[in-house]
Amino acid sequence: MLLAERPQGKAMAGLWEFPGGKVLAGETPEEALIRELAEELGIDVKEACLAPFAFASHAYPDFHLLMPLYVCRRWLGIVSPQEGQRLAWVRAEKLADYAMPPADKPLIPLLRDLLS
């Protein structure tokens, strides 16, 4: 799995998360993910290569996050950090070794089950 470290200056800086981002007005979650992966990682993903897997629902003090998680196994280009963030390819059994935002943590056992 690919994790990205939240850069300094952003909320929850230093925590590791699954790449992606906010859905803009008029976007579907898939369109947002495709846009975010191009912006953050410099890769081109087609919607047909995205498979919905799970979602997280978490109440932060200032907002409630509903975060879909997609599996993507095919893309064009080479994954490279476009925003100065650190990236890590992590085996499913090692995900818990990375400090993650609270909303991401419940996804770890689901991903371990998928890949074991």
Protein backbone atom coordinates (compact mmCIF):
# COMPACT_ATOMS: atom_id res chain seq x y z
CA MET A 1 0.00 0.00 0.00
CA LEU A 2 1.12 3.53 -0.66
CA LEU A 3 1.13 5.97 2.25
CA ALA A 4 1.90 9.68 2.14
CA GLU A 5 3.14 11.71 5.07
CA ARG A 6 1.18 14.89 5.71
CA PRO A 7 3.59 17.79 5.18
CA GLN A 8 4.49 20.45 7.71
CA GLY A 9 2.01 23.31 7.77
CA LYS A 10 -1.03 21.09 7.20
CA ALA A 11 -3.37 19.75 9.87
CA MET A 12 -2.06 16.48 11.34
CA ALA A 13 1.40 17.09 9.87
CA GLY A 14 3.73 14.12 10.20
CA LEU A 15 0.95 11.53 10.17
CA TRP A 16 0.77 8.98 7.36
CA GLU A 17 -2.38 8.68 5.27
CA PHE A 18 -3.77 7.07 2.17
CA PRO A 19 -3.30 9.45 -0.79
CA GLY A 20 -6.38 11.32 -1.97
CA GLY A 21 -8.20 14.44 -0.94
CA LYS A 22 -11.33 16.49 -0.82
CA VAL A 23 -14.14 16.22 -3.32
CA LEU A 24 -14.72 19.58 -4.98
CA ALA A 25 -18.15 20.89 -5.93
CA GLY A 26 -19.42 19.07 -9.01
CA GLU A 27 -16.96 16.15 -8.70
CA THR A 28 -17.72 12.53 -8.04
CA PRO A 29 -15.50 10.78 -5.46
CA GLU A 30 -13.79 8.95 -8.33
CA GLU A 31 -13.09 12.18 -10.24
CA ALA A 32 -11.69 13.74 -7.08
CA LEU A 33 -9.39 10.78 -6.45
CA ILE A 34 -8.14 10.79 -10.05
CA ARG A 35 -7.43 14.55 -9.80
CA GLU A 36 -5.76 14.24 -6.41
CA LEU A 37 -3.54 11.33 -7.51
CA ALA A 38 -2.36 13.38 -10.50
CA GLU A 39 -1.71 16.45 -8.30
CA GLU A 40 -0.08 14.61 -5.38
CA LEU A 41 1.68 11.70 -7.11
CA GLY A 42 2.00 12.64 -10.78
CA ILE A 43 0.16 9.55 -12.02
CA ASP A 44 -2.74 9.09 -14.41
CA VAL A 45 -5.51 6.80 -13.16
CA LYS A 46 -8.56 5.79 -15.15
CA GLU A 47 -11.90 5.41 -13.37
CA ALA A 48 -12.16 1.78 -14.54
CA CYS A 49 -9.01 1.04 -12.50
CA LEU A 50 -10.60 2.19 -9.22
CA ALA A 51 -12.44 -0.38 -7.13
CA PRO A 52 -14.48 0.89 -4.15
CA PHE A 53 -13.34 -1.06 -1.10
CA ALA A 54 -14.53 0.50 2.17
CA PHE A 55 -15.18 3.82 3.85
CA ALA A 56 -14.34 5.50 7.11
CA SER A 57 -16.65 7.73 9.11
CA HIS A 58 -15.01 9.80 11.83
CA ALA A 59 -16.10 12.80 13.90
CA TYR A 60 -13.26 15.30 14.31
CA PRO A 61 -13.84 18.27 16.63
CA ASP A 62 -14.52 20.67 13.73
CA PHE A 63 -16.11 18.42 11.10
CA HIS A 64 -17.31 14.93 10.28
CA LEU A 65 -15.28 13.03 7.71
CA LEU A 66 -16.80 10.44 5.41
CA MET A 67 -13.86 9.00 3.47
CA PRO A 68 -14.22 6.38 0.73
CA LEU A 69 -11.27 4.03 0.21
CA TYR A 70 -10.54 2.71 -3.25
CA VAL A 71 -8.11 0.06 -4.42
CA CYS A 72 -6.09 0.99 -7.48
CA ARG A 73 -3.67 -1.52 -8.96
CA ARG A 74 -3.04 0.08 -12.38
CA TRP A 75 -1.91 3.56 -13.35
CA LEU A 76 0.23 5.33 -15.90
CA GLY A 77 3.42 7.08 -14.83
CA ILE A 78 5.83 6.74 -11.97
CA VAL A 79 4.62 7.51 -8.47
CA SER A 80 6.59 10.50 -7.24
CA PRO A 81 5.84 13.11 -4.57
CA GLN A 82 4.59 16.30 -6.22
CA GLU A 83 4.04 18.32 -3.03
CA GLY A 84 7.24 17.61 -1.09
CA GLN A 85 5.60 14.85 0.94
CA ARG A 86 7.37 11.63 1.87
CA LEU A 87 5.94 8.42 0.43
CA ALA A 88 6.22 4.85 1.66
CA TRP A 89 5.23 1.54 0.09
CA VAL A 90 4.04 -0.51 3.05
CA ARG A 91 3.03 -4.16 3.41
CA ALA A 92 -0.43 -4.61 4.93
CA GLU A 93 0.96 -6.23 8.08
CA LYS A 94 3.15 -3.14 8.70
CA LEU A 95 0.45 -0.46 8.34
CA ALA A 96 -0.08 -0.26 12.10
CA ASP A 97 3.60 0.73 12.48
CA TYR A 98 2.81 4.13 10.92
CA ALA A 99 1.18 6.94 12.89
CA MET A 100 -2.06 7.70 11.05
CA PRO A 101 -5.02 10.08 11.48
CA PRO A 102 -7.82 8.57 13.57
CA ALA A 103 -10.12 8.21 10.54
CA ASP A 104 -7.60 6.00 8.70
CA LYS A 105 -6.90 3.54 11.52
CA PRO A 106 -10.14 1.47 11.24
CA LEU A 107 -9.24 0.72 7.60
CA ILE A 108 -6.04 -1.12 8.55
CA PRO A 109 -7.64 -4.47 9.55
CA LEU A 110 -9.81 -4.43 6.43
CA LEU A 111 -6.74 -3.98 4.23
CA ARG A 112 -4.83 -6.69 6.10
CA ASP A 113 -7.75 -9.08 5.49
CA LEU A 114 -7.86 -8.16 1.80
CA LEU A 115 -4.19 -8.84 1.28
CA SER A 116 -3.61 -11.87 3.50
